[in-house]
Amino acid sequence: MSELPPNTHYVTVTSSGLSEVDGLYVPSTEPPKESESGTMSSLGYWNGMKAWDRADRKSERNPALSYSGSYKAWRLARIDGHLAYTIVNDDPLPTEGTPWDVYKKGVAPAPTIKVWEEDPREKPNVVFVLGGPGAGKGTMCELAMNQLGWKHLSAGDLLRAERKEGGKNAALIEEYISAGKIVPVTITVGLIKKAMTTIMEETGIVNFLVDGFPRSLENWSGWQEVFGADAAMPTMLFFECPLPILEERIMGRAKYSGRSDDNVESLRKRFKTYKDETMPIVEVFKKAGKVVDINSSKPREEVWDLVKEKLAPWSDHSLLESPLTERSECLLGLRPWPKKGKKE
């Protein structure tokens, strides 16, 4: 039997008599197994026809939407695994435009089915944030999160969290970060994608500031491999600041940060890596007209005004004129940080 092409279709189910059936169905990831008709399934397929799981992974029956070889019918299951709706035919994809039948544990009315050639979910809107260590990237990203509702994903923070949790890549991440080197792209991109997917599913937020990525041409190639070479090239906020100022900021931060890489030896290695590996990718984005230069040696309020202006086209306009939160005022140096033990 020839190998089946990947299942790249998505299905939305709406307006059924059982709201638990409604939702998005994605290509099935069930491992190959024998169906009720004795046919061995393959990834994304059931009985030789494309098959789908619920996107929220809540169904007790997977695939939840599939074709029955015994009954020659498409069938759709409830979350508890009981079959609810069916339609008898041999259409290559779940039938659209023709009413399905209520079946066994189903409740009228039967749902409306729509098949999509690509994932219909809103795609993440990503802005890369780059600059030397101590350029103020993290501060400005947190301000955008507090004031404009963006989500801040720091590649470094994600890697440090993974290292702290002691996962299978913890030792490797520790080795690279301590040496001031760039962690393998497969690890970094995987953590970023996982974080974005979780946030979109749980909150509906799609605006992301990805801080500290891509740091090399290899990083960018890895991003394209995961998200698709045809995916739009994100805008990049590039925080420019003279190296002497960066060094002064980092050594000041070392007094309270608790980070193992905030020391003179690691700092010098990071500066060299930044110059040798990160600047070439910045040039690639500049040639594509995707870089917004931010002079981060200016006072923080001026830098924030510029960052807010550049993010405004994608932001919720009702938030653009919102007053600063207390934490934002602290981040901008407009009020002192509260003493430990006191609420902000």
C-alpha atoms as a PDB file:
ATOM      1  CA  MET A   1       0.000   0.000   0.000  1.00  0.00           C
ATOM      2  CA  SER A   2       1.416   3.392  -0.997  1.00  0.00           C
ATOM      3  CA  GLU A   3       2.089   5.930   1.735  1.00  0.00           C
ATOM      4  CA  LEU A   4      -0.810   8.317   2.324  1.00  0.00           C
ATOM      5  CA  PRO A   5      -0.165  12.072   2.025  1.00  0.00           C
ATOM      6  CA  PRO A   6      -0.248  14.059   5.296  1.00  0.00           C
ATOM      7  CA  ASN A   7      -3.674  15.128   6.522  1.00  0.00           C
ATOM      8  CA  THR A   8      -3.484  18.933   6.352  1.00  0.00           C
ATOM      9  CA  HIS A   9      -7.212  19.701   6.606  1.00  0.00           C
ATOM     10  CA  TYR A  10      -9.020  21.129   9.643  1.00  0.00           C
ATOM     11  CA  VAL A  11     -12.729  20.870  10.486  1.00  0.00           C
ATOM     12  CA  THR A  12     -15.006  23.175  12.467  1.00  0.00           C
ATOM     13  CA  VAL A  13     -18.240  21.847  13.979  1.00  0.00           C
ATOM     14  CA  THR A  14     -20.894  24.394  14.984  1.00  0.00           C
ATOM     15  CA  SER A  15     -24.578  24.758  15.919  1.00  0.00           C
ATOM     16  CA  SER A  16     -25.091  21.187  17.118  1.00  0.00           C
ATOM     17  CA  GLY A  17     -27.661  20.141  19.688  1.00  0.00           C
ATOM     18  CA  LEU A  18     -24.721  19.194  21.907  1.00  0.00           C
ATOM     19  CA  SER A  19     -22.477  22.171  22.561  1.00  0.00           C
ATOM     20  CA  GLU A  20     -19.746  19.796  23.723  1.00  0.00           C
ATOM     21  CA  VAL A  21     -19.461  18.503  20.151  1.00  0.00           C
ATOM     22  CA  ASP A  22     -18.874  21.972  18.706  1.00  0.00           C
ATOM     23  CA  GLY A  23     -15.329  23.173  18.183  1.00  0.00           C
ATOM     24  CA  LEU A  24     -12.215  22.798  16.090  1.00  0.00           C
ATOM     25  CA  TYR A  25     -10.971  19.388  14.964  1.00  0.00           C
ATOM     26  CA  VAL A  26      -7.322  18.948  13.985  1.00  0.00           C
ATOM     27  CA  PRO A  27      -5.512  16.165  12.065  1.00  0.00           C
ATOM     28  CA  SER A  28      -5.448  13.099  14.289  1.00  0.00           C
ATOM     29  CA  THR A  29      -2.228  12.214  16.052  1.00  0.00           C
ATOM     30  CA  GLU A  30      -3.426   8.804  17.208  1.00  0.00           C
ATOM     31  CA  PRO A  31      -0.759   6.126  16.683  1.00  0.00           C
ATOM     32  CA  PRO A  32      -1.553   3.427  14.102  1.00  0.00           C
ATOM     33  CA  LYS A  33      -3.964   0.755  15.340  1.00  0.00           C
ATOM     34  CA  GLU A  34      -6.594  -1.641  14.008  1.00  0.00           C
ATOM     35  CA  SER A  35     -10.080  -0.198  13.385  1.00  0.00           C
ATOM     36  CA  GLU A  36     -13.438  -1.904  13.993  1.00  0.00           C
ATOM     37  CA  SER A  37     -13.428  -3.082  10.370  1.00  0.00           C
ATOM     38  CA  GLY A  38      -9.997  -4.679  10.728  1.00  0.00           C
ATOM     39  CA  THR A  39      -8.116  -1.982   8.800  1.00  0.00           C
ATOM     40  CA  MET A  40      -4.805  -0.753  10.196  1.00  0.00           C
ATOM     41  CA  SER A  41      -4.886   3.033  10.545  1.00  0.00           C
ATOM     42  CA  SER A  42      -2.017   5.441   9.884  1.00  0.00           C
ATOM     43  CA  LEU A  43      -1.146   8.859  11.292  1.00  0.00           C
ATOM     44  CA  GLY A  44      -3.942  11.311  10.457  1.00  0.00           C
ATOM     45  CA  TYR A  45      -6.109   8.577   8.922  1.00  0.00           C
ATOM     46  CA  TRP A  46      -8.721   5.984   9.925  1.00  0.00           C
ATOM     47  CA  ASN A  47      -9.928   3.238   7.585  1.00  0.00           C
ATOM     48  CA  GLY A  48      -7.954   4.838   4.767  1.00  0.00           C
ATOM     49  CA  MET A  49      -9.763   8.191   5.138  1.00  0.00           C
ATOM     50  CA  LYS A  50      -8.588  11.358   6.852  1.00  0.00           C
ATOM     51  CA  ALA A  51      -9.419  11.609  10.556  1.00  0.00           C
ATOM     52  CA  TRP A  52      -9.445  14.305  13.247  1.00  0.00           C
ATOM     53  CA  ASP A  53      -9.096  14.777  17.013  1.00  0.00           C
ATOM     54  CA  ARG A  54     -10.637  17.611  19.012  1.00  0.00           C
ATOM     55  CA  ALA A  55      -8.193  20.526  19.169  1.00  0.00           C
ATOM     56  CA  ASP A  56      -8.684  20.767  22.948  1.00  0.00           C
ATOM     57  CA  ARG A  57      -7.776  17.052  23.305  1.00  0.00           C
ATOM     58  CA  LYS A  58     -10.775  16.504  25.616  1.00  0.00           C
ATOM     59  CA  SER A  59     -12.448  13.655  23.741  1.00  0.00           C
ATOM     60  CA  GLU A  60     -12.252  10.151  25.169  1.00  0.00           C
ATOM     61  CA  ARG A  61     -12.526   8.767  21.637  1.00  0.00           C
ATOM     62  CA  ASN A  62      -9.747   9.494  19.170  1.00  0.00           C
ATOM     63  CA  PRO A  63     -10.038  10.112  16.376  1.00  0.00           C
ATOM     64  CA  ALA A  64     -13.268  11.906  17.334  1.00  0.00           C
ATOM     65  CA  LEU A  65     -14.246  12.530  13.702  1.00  0.00           C
ATOM     66  CA  SER A  66     -13.565   9.653  11.332  1.00  0.00           C
ATOM     67  CA  TYR A  67     -14.894   7.348   8.628  1.00  0.00           C
ATOM     68  CA  SER A  68     -16.344   3.923   9.431  1.00  0.00           C
ATOM     69  CA  GLY A  69     -15.407   1.267   6.913  1.00  0.00           C
ATOM     70  CA  SER A  70     -18.077  -1.070   8.288  1.00  0.00           C
ATOM     71  CA  TYR A  71     -20.944   1.428   8.051  1.00  0.00           C
ATOM     72  CA  LYS A  72     -19.611   3.409   5.071  1.00  0.00           C
ATOM     73  CA  ALA A  73     -20.295   6.608   6.964  1.00  0.00           C
ATOM     74  CA  TRP A  74     -18.634   9.611   8.555  1.00  0.00           C
ATOM     75  CA  ARG A  75     -19.142   9.645  12.332  1.00  0.00           C
ATOM     76  CA  LEU A  76     -18.684  12.303  15.002  1.00  0.00           C
ATOM     77  CA  ALA A  77     -18.308  11.535  18.713  1.00  0.00           C
ATOM     78  CA  ARG A  78     -19.189  13.388  21.892  1.00  0.00           C
ATOM     79  CA  ILE A  79     -16.463  14.303  24.396  1.00  0.00           C
ATOM     80  CA  ASP A  80     -17.323  11.192  26.444  1.00  0.00           C
ATOM     81  CA  GLY A  81     -16.615   9.028  23.390  1.00  0.00           C
ATOM     82  CA  HIS A  82     -20.203   8.077  22.489  1.00  0.00           C
ATOM     83  CA  LEU A  83     -21.135   8.541  18.841  1.00  0.00           C
ATOM     84  CA  ALA A  84     -23.514  11.448  18.245  1.00  0.00           C
ATOM     85  CA  TYR A  85     -23.827  12.267  14.528  1.00  0.00           C
ATOM     86  CA  THR A  86     -23.309  10.457  11.232  1.00  0.00           C
ATOM     87  CA  ILE A  87     -23.799  10.705   7.480  1.00  0.00           C
ATOM     88  CA  VAL A  88     -23.695   7.758   5.079  1.00  0.00           C
ATOM     89  CA  ASN A  89     -21.594   8.316   1.941  1.00  0.00           C
ATOM     90  CA  ASP A  90     -18.084   7.803   0.646  1.00  0.00           C
ATOM     91  CA  ASP A  91     -17.096  11.474   0.280  1.00  0.00           C
ATOM     92  CA  PRO A  92     -13.310  11.880   0.653  1.00  0.00           C
ATOM     93  CA  LEU A  93     -13.838  14.563   3.337  1.00  0.00           C
ATOM     94  CA  PRO A  94     -16.583  15.117   5.946  1.00  0.00           C
ATOM     95  CA  THR A  95     -19.705  16.251   4.119  1.00  0.00           C
ATOM     96  CA  GLU A  96     -20.496  19.971   4.021  1.00  0.00           C
ATOM     97  CA  GLY A  97     -23.839  21.478   2.998  1.00  0.00           C
ATOM     98  CA  THR A  98     -25.867  18.292   3.536  1.00  0.00           C
ATOM     99  CA  PRO A  99     -27.550  17.694   6.921  1.00  0.00           C
ATOM    100  CA  TRP A 100     -26.006  14.952   9.042  1.00  0.00           C
ATOM    101  CA  ASP A 101     -28.153  12.479  10.977  1.00  0.00           C
ATOM    102  CA  VAL A 102     -28.552  12.411  14.753  1.00  0.00           C
ATOM    103  CA  TYR A 103     -27.064   9.086  15.844  1.00  0.00           C
ATOM    104  CA  LYS A 104     -27.239   7.082  19.086  1.00  0.00           C
ATOM    105  CA  LYS A 105     -26.234   9.591  21.811  1.00  0.00           C
ATOM    106  CA  GLY A 106     -26.753  12.676  19.662  1.00  0.00           C
ATOM    107  CA  VAL A 107     -29.274  15.485  20.179  1.00  0.00           C
ATOM    108  CA  ALA A 108     -30.976  17.465  17.407  1.00  0.00           C
ATOM    109  CA  PRO A 109     -30.136  19.577  15.557  1.00  0.00           C
ATOM    110  CA  ALA A 110     -27.227  17.990  13.726  1.00  0.00           C
ATOM    111  CA  PRO A 111     -24.164  20.235  13.451  1.00  0.00           C
ATOM    112  CA  THR A 112     -22.890  22.381  10.621  1.00  0.00           C
ATOM    113  CA  ILE A 113     -19.607  21.051   9.217  1.00  0.00           C
ATOM    114  CA  LYS A 114     -16.931  23.141   7.516  1.00  0.00           C
ATOM    115  CA  VAL A 115     -13.647  21.787   6.161  1.00  0.00           C
ATOM    116  CA  TRP A 116     -10.629  24.103   5.990  1.00  0.00           C
ATOM    117  CA  GLU A 117      -7.520  23.661   3.861  1.00  0.00           C
ATOM    118  CA  GLU A 118      -5.396  25.249   6.584  1.00  0.00           C
ATOM    119  CA  ASP A 119      -5.646  25.951  10.302  1.00  0.00           C
ATOM    120  CA  PRO A 120      -8.439  28.565  10.702  1.00  0.00           C
ATOM    121  CA  ARG A 121      -7.260  29.725  14.108  1.00  0.00           C
ATOM    122  CA  GLU A 122      -5.883  33.221  14.327  1.00  0.00           C
ATOM    123  CA  LYS A 123      -2.134  33.158  13.848  1.00  0.00           C
ATOM    124  CA  PRO A 124       0.205  34.669  16.429  1.00  0.00           C
ATOM    125  CA  ASN A 125       1.398  38.204  15.728  1.00  0.00           C
ATOM    126  CA  VAL A 126       5.083  38.119  16.617  1.00  0.00           C
ATOM    127  CA  VAL A 127       7.526  40.992  17.075  1.00  0.00           C
ATOM    128  CA  PHE A 128      11.134  39.996  17.705  1.00  0.00           C
ATOM    129  CA  VAL A 129      13.084  42.051  20.261  1.00  0.00           C
ATOM    130  CA  LEU A 130      16.877  42.149  20.044  1.00  0.00           C
ATOM    131  CA  GLY A 131      19.698  44.172  21.532  1.00  0.00           C
ATOM    132  CA  GLY A 132      22.798  43.718  23.631  1.00  0.00           C
ATOM    133  CA  PRO A 133      22.611  42.384  27.200  1.00  0.00           C
ATOM    134  CA  GLY A 134      21.422  45.235  29.410  1.00  0.00           C
ATOM    135  CA  ALA A 135      19.847  47.224  26.553  1.00  0.00           C
ATOM    136  CA  GLY A 136      16.485  47.352  28.348  1.00  0.00           C
ATOM    137  CA  LYS A 137      14.633  44.771  26.262  1.00  0.00           C
ATOM    138  CA  GLY A 138      13.043  43.035  29.229  1.00  0.00           C
ATOM    139  CA  THR A 139      11.900  46.280  30.848  1.00  0.00           C
ATOM    140  CA  MET A 140      10.210  47.549  27.684  1.00  0.00           C
ATOM    141  CA  CYS A 141       8.596  44.175  27.027  1.00  0.00           C
ATOM    142  CA  GLU A 142       7.152  44.111  30.540  1.00  0.00           C
ATOM    143  CA  LEU A 143       5.794  47.629  30.044  1.00  0.00           C
ATOM    144  CA  ALA A 144       4.098  46.497  26.815  1.00  0.00           C
ATOM    145  CA  MET A 145       2.597  43.582  28.712  1.00  0.00           C
ATOM    146  CA  ASN A 146       1.360  45.770  31.590  1.00  0.00           C
ATOM    147  CA  GLN A 147       0.076  48.662  29.492  1.00  0.00           C
ATOM    148  CA  LEU A 148      -0.876  47.222  26.093  1.00  0.00           C
ATOM    149  CA  GLY A 149      -1.875  43.631  26.820  1.00  0.00           C
ATOM    150  CA  TRP A 150       0.959  42.002  24.870  1.00  0.00           C
ATOM    151  CA  LYS A 151       2.539  38.764  26.032  1.00  0.00           C
ATOM    152  CA  HIS A 152       6.266  38.864  26.692  1.00  0.00           C
ATOM    153  CA  LEU A 153       8.187  35.701  25.913  1.00  0.00           C
ATOM    154  CA  SER A 154      11.862  35.826  26.753  1.00  0.00           C
ATOM    155  CA  ALA A 155      13.862  33.099  25.063  1.00  0.00           C
ATOM    156  CA  GLY A 156      16.342  33.373  27.917  1.00  0.00           C
ATOM    157  CA  ASP A 157      13.649  33.132  30.611  1.00  0.00           C
ATOM    158  CA  LEU A 158      12.072  30.111  28.920  1.00  0.00           C
ATOM    159  CA  LEU A 159      15.454  28.404  28.778  1.00  0.00           C
ATOM    160  CA  ARG A 160      16.241  29.266  32.404  1.00  0.00           C
ATOM    161  CA  ALA A 161      12.833  27.961  33.508  1.00  0.00           C
ATOM    162  CA  GLU A 162      13.401  24.723  31.612  1.00  0.00           C
ATOM    163  CA  ARG A 163      16.826  24.400  33.209  1.00  0.00           C
ATOM    164  CA  LYS A 164      15.408  25.028  36.701  1.00  0.00           C
ATOM    165  CA  GLU A 165      12.692  22.394  36.242  1.00  0.00           C
ATOM    166  CA  GLY A 166      15.399  19.818  35.587  1.00  0.00           C
ATOM    167  CA  GLY A 167      13.999  18.477  32.323  1.00  0.00           C
ATOM    168  CA  LYS A 168      15.882  16.302  29.862  1.00  0.00           C
ATOM    169  CA  ASN A 169      17.631  19.359  28.360  1.00  0.00           C
ATOM    170  CA  ALA A 170      18.479  21.042  31.679  1.00  0.00           C
ATOM    171  CA  ALA A 171      22.157  20.051  31.797  1.00  0.00           C
ATOM    172  CA  LEU A 172      22.734  21.012  28.169  1.00  0.00           C
ATOM    173  CA  ILE A 173      21.056  24.400  28.654  1.00  0.00           C
ATOM    174  CA  GLU A 174      23.167  25.045  31.771  1.00  0.00           C
ATOM    175  CA  GLU A 175      26.348  24.253  29.868  1.00  0.00           C
ATOM    176  CA  TYR A 176      25.556  26.633  27.001  1.00  0.00           C
ATOM    177  CA  ILE A 177      24.270  29.552  29.111  1.00  0.00           C
ATOM    178  CA  SER A 178      27.200  29.420  31.552  1.00  0.00           C
ATOM    179  CA  ALA A 179      29.622  29.463  28.621  1.00  0.00           C
ATOM    180  CA  GLY A 180      27.851  32.459  27.073  1.00  0.00           C
ATOM    181  CA  LYS A 181      26.935  30.404  24.012  1.00  0.00           C
ATOM    182  CA  ILE A 182      23.666  30.112  22.098  1.00  0.00           C
ATOM    183  CA  VAL A 183      21.499  27.116  23.031  1.00  0.00           C
ATOM    184  CA  PRO A 184      20.649  24.759  20.102  1.00  0.00           C
ATOM    185  CA  VAL A 185      17.792  26.193  18.072  1.00  0.00           C
ATOM    186  CA  THR A 186      15.664  23.056  18.271  1.00  0.00           C
ATOM    187  CA  ILE A 187      15.312  23.522  22.028  1.00  0.00           C
ATOM    188  CA  THR A 188      14.658  27.268  21.923  1.00  0.00           C
ATOM    189  CA  VAL A 189      12.075  27.304  19.114  1.00  0.00           C
ATOM    190  CA  GLY A 190      10.259  24.365  20.664  1.00  0.00           C
ATOM    191  CA  LEU A 191       9.894  26.219  23.972  1.00  0.00           C
ATOM    192  CA  ILE A 192       8.702  29.419  22.250  1.00  0.00           C
ATOM    193  CA  LYS A 193       6.110  27.617  20.141  1.00  0.00           C
ATOM    194  CA  LYS A 194       4.817  25.653  23.116  1.00  0.00           C
ATOM    195  CA  ALA A 195       4.436  28.833  25.182  1.00  0.00           C
ATOM    196  CA  MET A 196       2.594  30.724  22.405  1.00  0.00           C
ATOM    197  CA  THR A 197       0.227  27.838  21.741  1.00  0.00           C
ATOM    198  CA  THR A 198      -0.652  27.525  25.422  1.00  0.00           C
ATOM    199  CA  ILE A 199      -1.257  31.269  25.828  1.00  0.00           C
ATOM    200  CA  MET A 200      -3.464  31.520  22.718  1.00  0.00           C
ATOM    201  CA  GLU A 201      -5.555  28.530  23.772  1.00  0.00           C
ATOM    202  CA  GLU A 202      -5.974  29.720  27.368  1.00  0.00           C
ATOM    203  CA  THR A 203      -6.319  33.500  26.922  1.00  0.00           C
ATOM    204  CA  GLY A 204      -7.015  34.277  23.257  1.00  0.00           C
ATOM    205  CA  ILE A 205      -4.088  36.732  23.231  1.00  0.00           C
ATOM    206  CA  VAL A 206      -2.214  36.679  19.909  1.00  0.00           C
ATOM    207  CA  ASN A 207       0.286  39.575  20.269  1.00  0.00           C
ATOM    208  CA  PHE A 208       3.723  38.338  21.334  1.00  0.00           C
ATOM    209  CA  LEU A 209       7.029  40.072  21.975  1.00  0.00           C
ATOM    210  CA  VAL A 210       9.730  37.421  21.612  1.00  0.00           C
ATOM    211  CA  ASP A 211      12.687  38.794  23.523  1.00  0.00           C
ATOM    212  CA  GLY A 212      16.224  37.653  22.720  1.00  0.00           C
ATOM    213  CA  PHE A 213      15.392  35.766  19.526  1.00  0.00           C
ATOM    214  CA  PRO A 214      16.593  35.117  16.837  1.00  0.00           C
ATOM    215  CA  ARG A 215      20.174  35.509  18.001  1.00  0.00           C
ATOM    216  CA  SER A 216      21.789  33.951  14.957  1.00  0.00           C
ATOM    217  CA  LEU A 217      21.184  33.000  11.347  1.00  0.00           C
ATOM    218  CA  GLU A 218      20.742  29.424  12.565  1.00  0.00           C
ATOM    219  CA  ASN A 219      17.991  30.604  14.946  1.00  0.00           C
ATOM    220  CA  TRP A 220      16.141  32.237  12.070  1.00  0.00           C
ATOM    221  CA  SER A 221      16.457  29.103   9.931  1.00  0.00           C
ATOM    222  CA  GLY A 222      15.080  27.073  12.828  1.00  0.00           C
ATOM    223  CA  TRP A 223      12.138  29.460  13.180  1.00  0.00           C
ATOM    224  CA  GLN A 224      11.334  29.148   9.468  1.00  0.00           C
ATOM    225  CA  GLU A 225      11.559  25.375   9.688  1.00  0.00           C
ATOM    226  CA  VAL A 226       9.020  25.247  12.518  1.00  0.00           C
ATOM    227  CA  PHE A 227       6.637  28.017  11.424  1.00  0.00           C
ATOM    228  CA  GLY A 228       7.040  27.630   7.665  1.00  0.00           C
ATOM    229  CA  ALA A 229       9.367  29.286   5.177  1.00  0.00           C
ATOM    230  CA  ASP A 230       6.383  31.128   3.673  1.00  0.00           C
ATOM    231  CA  ALA A 231       5.294  32.605   7.014  1.00  0.00           C
ATOM    232  CA  ALA A 232       5.533  36.397   7.194  1.00  0.00           C
ATOM    233  CA  MET A 233       8.844  37.731   8.486  1.00  0.00           C
ATOM    234  CA  PRO A 234       8.146  39.349  11.881  1.00  0.00           C
ATOM    235  CA  THR A 235       9.017  42.961  12.623  1.00  0.00           C
ATOM    236  CA  MET A 236      12.100  43.351  14.809  1.00  0.00           C
ATOM    237  CA  LEU A 237      12.586  45.976  17.518  1.00  0.00           C
ATOM    238  CA  PHE A 238      16.350  46.470  17.734  1.00  0.00           C
ATOM    239  CA  PHE A 239      17.554  48.192  20.899  1.00  0.00           C
ATOM    240  CA  GLU A 240      20.789  50.022  20.160  1.00  0.00           C
ATOM    241  CA  CYS A 241      23.020  51.065  23.048  1.00  0.00           C
ATOM    242  CA  PRO A 242      26.818  51.661  23.312  1.00  0.00           C
ATOM    243  CA  LEU A 243      28.704  48.747  24.845  1.00  0.00           C
ATOM    244  CA  PRO A 244      30.172  50.773  27.759  1.00  0.00           C
ATOM    245  CA  ILE A 245      26.637  51.631  28.902  1.00  0.00           C
ATOM    246  CA  LEU A 246      25.539  48.009  28.531  1.00  0.00           C
ATOM    247  CA  GLU A 247      28.466  46.854  30.663  1.00  0.00           C
ATOM    248  CA  GLU A 248      27.676  49.406  33.358  1.00  0.00           C
ATOM    249  CA  ARG A 249      24.030  48.308  33.462  1.00  0.00           C
ATOM    250  CA  ILE A 250      24.833  44.594  33.624  1.00  0.00           C
ATOM    251  CA  MET A 251      27.310  44.964  36.464  1.00  0.00           C
ATOM    252  CA  GLY A 252      24.776  47.063  38.346  1.00  0.00           C
ATOM    253  CA  ARG A 253      22.119  44.407  37.769  1.00  0.00           C
ATOM    254  CA  ALA A 254      24.452  41.670  39.037  1.00  0.00           C
ATOM    255  CA  LYS A 255      24.105  43.032  42.579  1.00  0.00           C
ATOM    256  CA  TYR A 256      20.509  41.795  42.831  1.00  0.00           C
ATOM    257  CA  SER A 257      19.618  39.638  39.801  1.00  0.00           C
ATOM    258  CA  GLY A 258      20.883  36.298  41.100  1.00  0.00           C
ATOM    259  CA  ARG A 259      21.642  35.236  37.509  1.00  0.00           C
ATOM    260  CA  SER A 260      24.709  33.032  37.059  1.00  0.00           C
ATOM    261  CA  ASP A 261      25.580  34.803  33.787  1.00  0.00           C
ATOM    262  CA  ASP A 262      25.628  38.317  35.315  1.00  0.00           C
ATOM    263  CA  ASN A 263      29.382  38.369  35.932  1.00  0.00           C
ATOM    264  CA  VAL A 264      32.401  39.850  34.170  1.00  0.00           C
ATOM    265  CA  GLU A 265      33.575  36.609  32.550  1.00  0.00           C
ATOM    266  CA  SER A 266      30.163  35.618  31.167  1.00  0.00           C
ATOM    267  CA  LEU A 267      29.457  39.225  30.186  1.00  0.00           C
ATOM    268  CA  ARG A 268      32.532  39.422  27.956  1.00  0.00           C
ATOM    269  CA  LYS A 269      31.623  36.123  26.303  1.00  0.00           C
ATOM    270  CA  ARG A 270      28.066  37.344  25.717  1.00  0.00           C
ATOM    271  CA  PHE A 271      29.299  40.587  24.165  1.00  0.00           C
ATOM    272  CA  LYS A 272      31.494  38.621  21.754  1.00  0.00           C
ATOM    273  CA  THR A 273      28.650  36.236  20.868  1.00  0.00           C
ATOM    274  CA  TYR A 274      26.311  39.196  20.377  1.00  0.00           C
ATOM    275  CA  LYS A 275      28.737  40.881  17.977  1.00  0.00           C
ATOM    276  CA  ASP A 276      29.740  37.756  16.054  1.00  0.00           C
ATOM    277  CA  GLU A 277      26.429  35.914  15.790  1.00  0.00           C
ATOM    278  CA  THR A 278      23.532  38.287  16.483  1.00  0.00           C
ATOM    279  CA  MET A 279      24.449  41.327  14.393  1.00  0.00           C
ATOM    280  CA  PRO A 280      24.422  39.330  11.103  1.00  0.00           C
ATOM    281  CA  ILE A 281      20.756  38.361  11.622  1.00  0.00           C
ATOM    282  CA  VAL A 282      19.903  41.981  12.445  1.00  0.00           C
ATOM    283  CA  GLU A 283      21.384  42.942   9.071  1.00  0.00           C
ATOM    284  CA  VAL A 284      19.207  40.328   7.326  1.00  0.00           C
ATOM    285  CA  PHE A 285      16.089  41.890   8.842  1.00  0.00           C
ATOM    286  CA  LYS A 286      17.309  45.412   8.034  1.00  0.00           C
ATOM    287  CA  LYS A 287      17.744  44.522   4.368  1.00  0.00           C
ATOM    288  CA  ALA A 288      14.164  43.212   4.382  1.00  0.00           C
ATOM    289  CA  GLY A 289      12.935  46.504   5.875  1.00  0.00           C
ATOM    290  CA  LYS A 290      11.740  44.764   9.034  1.00  0.00           C
ATOM    291  CA  VAL A 291      13.876  46.492  11.684  1.00  0.00           C
ATOM    292  CA  VAL A 292      12.710  49.337  13.923  1.00  0.00           C
ATOM    293  CA  ASP A 293      15.749  50.926  15.579  1.00  0.00           C
ATOM    294  CA  ILE A 294      15.291  51.955  19.218  1.00  0.00           C
ATOM    295  CA  ASN A 295      17.963  54.145  20.852  1.00  0.00           C
ATOM    296  CA  SER A 296      17.819  52.625  24.319  1.00  0.00           C
ATOM    297  CA  SER A 297      20.562  54.834  25.750  1.00  0.00           C
ATOM    298  CA  LYS A 298      17.906  57.550  26.133  1.00  0.00           C
ATOM    299  CA  PRO A 299      15.847  58.024  29.331  1.00  0.00           C
ATOM    300  CA  ARG A 300      13.422  55.162  29.910  1.00  0.00           C
ATOM    301  CA  GLU A 301      10.300  57.306  29.449  1.00  0.00           C
ATOM    302  CA  GLU A 302      11.471  58.391  25.988  1.00  0.00           C
ATOM    303  CA  VAL A 303      12.309  54.821  25.029  1.00  0.00           C
ATOM    304  CA  TRP A 304       8.884  53.628  26.202  1.00  0.00           C
ATOM    305  CA  ASP A 305       7.071  56.341  24.229  1.00  0.00           C
ATOM    306  CA  LEU A 306       8.844  55.178  21.080  1.00  0.00           C
ATOM    307  CA  VAL A 307       8.162  51.489  21.751  1.00  0.00           C
ATOM    308  CA  LYS A 308       4.474  52.211  22.418  1.00  0.00           C
ATOM    309  CA  GLU A 309       4.247  54.173  19.166  1.00  0.00           C
ATOM    310  CA  LYS A 310       5.730  51.289  17.169  1.00  0.00           C
ATOM    311  CA  LEU A 311       3.421  48.689  18.760  1.00  0.00           C
ATOM    312  CA  ALA A 312       0.284  50.838  18.464  1.00  0.00           C
ATOM    313  CA  PRO A 313      -0.918  49.470  15.068  1.00  0.00           C
ATOM    314  CA  TRP A 314      -1.355  45.968  16.559  1.00  0.00           C
ATOM    315  CA  SER A 315      -2.469  46.996  20.047  1.00  0.00           C
ATOM    316  CA  ASP A 316      -5.921  47.447  21.556  1.00  0.00           C
ATOM    317  CA  HIS A 317      -6.496  51.161  20.953  1.00  0.00           C
ATOM    318  CA  SER A 318      -8.484  51.487  24.184  1.00  0.00           C
ATOM    319  CA  LEU A 319      -5.279  50.707  26.098  1.00  0.00           C
ATOM    320  CA  LEU A 320      -2.984  53.188  24.369  1.00  0.00           C
ATOM    321  CA  GLU A 321      -4.021  56.105  26.582  1.00  0.00           C
ATOM    322  CA  SER A 322      -4.436  54.113  29.789  1.00  0.00           C
ATOM    323  CA  PRO A 323      -2.674  55.589  32.836  1.00  0.00           C
ATOM    324  CA  LEU A 324       0.492  53.882  33.988  1.00  0.00           C
ATOM    325  CA  THR A 325       0.093  51.133  36.561  1.00  0.00           C
ATOM    326  CA  GLU A 326       2.132  51.397  39.738  1.00  0.00           C
ATOM    327  CA  ARG A 327       4.443  48.655  38.512  1.00  0.00           C
ATOM    328  CA  SER A 328       4.945  50.454  35.207  1.00  0.00           C
ATOM    329  CA  GLU A 329       5.854  53.626  37.096  1.00  0.00           C
ATOM    330  CA  CYS A 330       8.442  51.613  39.034  1.00  0.00           C
ATOM    331  CA  LEU A 331       9.834  50.140  35.816  1.00  0.00           C
ATOM    332  CA  LEU A 332      10.199  53.655  34.391  1.00  0.00           C
ATOM    333  CA  GLY A 333      11.866  54.936  37.554  1.00  0.00           C
ATOM    334  CA  LEU A 334       8.982  57.298  38.315  1.00  0.00           C
ATOM    335  CA  ARG A 335       8.454  55.861  41.783  1.00  0.00           C
ATOM    336  CA  PRO A 336      10.601  53.708  44.079  1.00  0.00           C
ATOM    337  CA  TRP A 337      10.088  49.982  44.209  1.00  0.00           C
ATOM    338  CA  PRO A 338       8.146  48.922  47.321  1.00  0.00           C
ATOM    339  CA  LYS A 339      10.168  47.366  50.091  1.00  0.00           C
ATOM    340  CA  LYS A 340      10.095  43.599  50.418  1.00  0.00           C
ATOM    341  CA  GLY A 341       7.154  42.308  52.398  1.00  0.00           C
ATOM    342  CA  LYS A 342       4.861  45.120  51.256  1.00  0.00           C
ATOM    343  CA  LYS A 343       2.325  44.890  48.485  1.00  0.00           C
ATOM    344  CA  GLU A 344       2.917  46.966  45.391  1.00  0.00           C
END
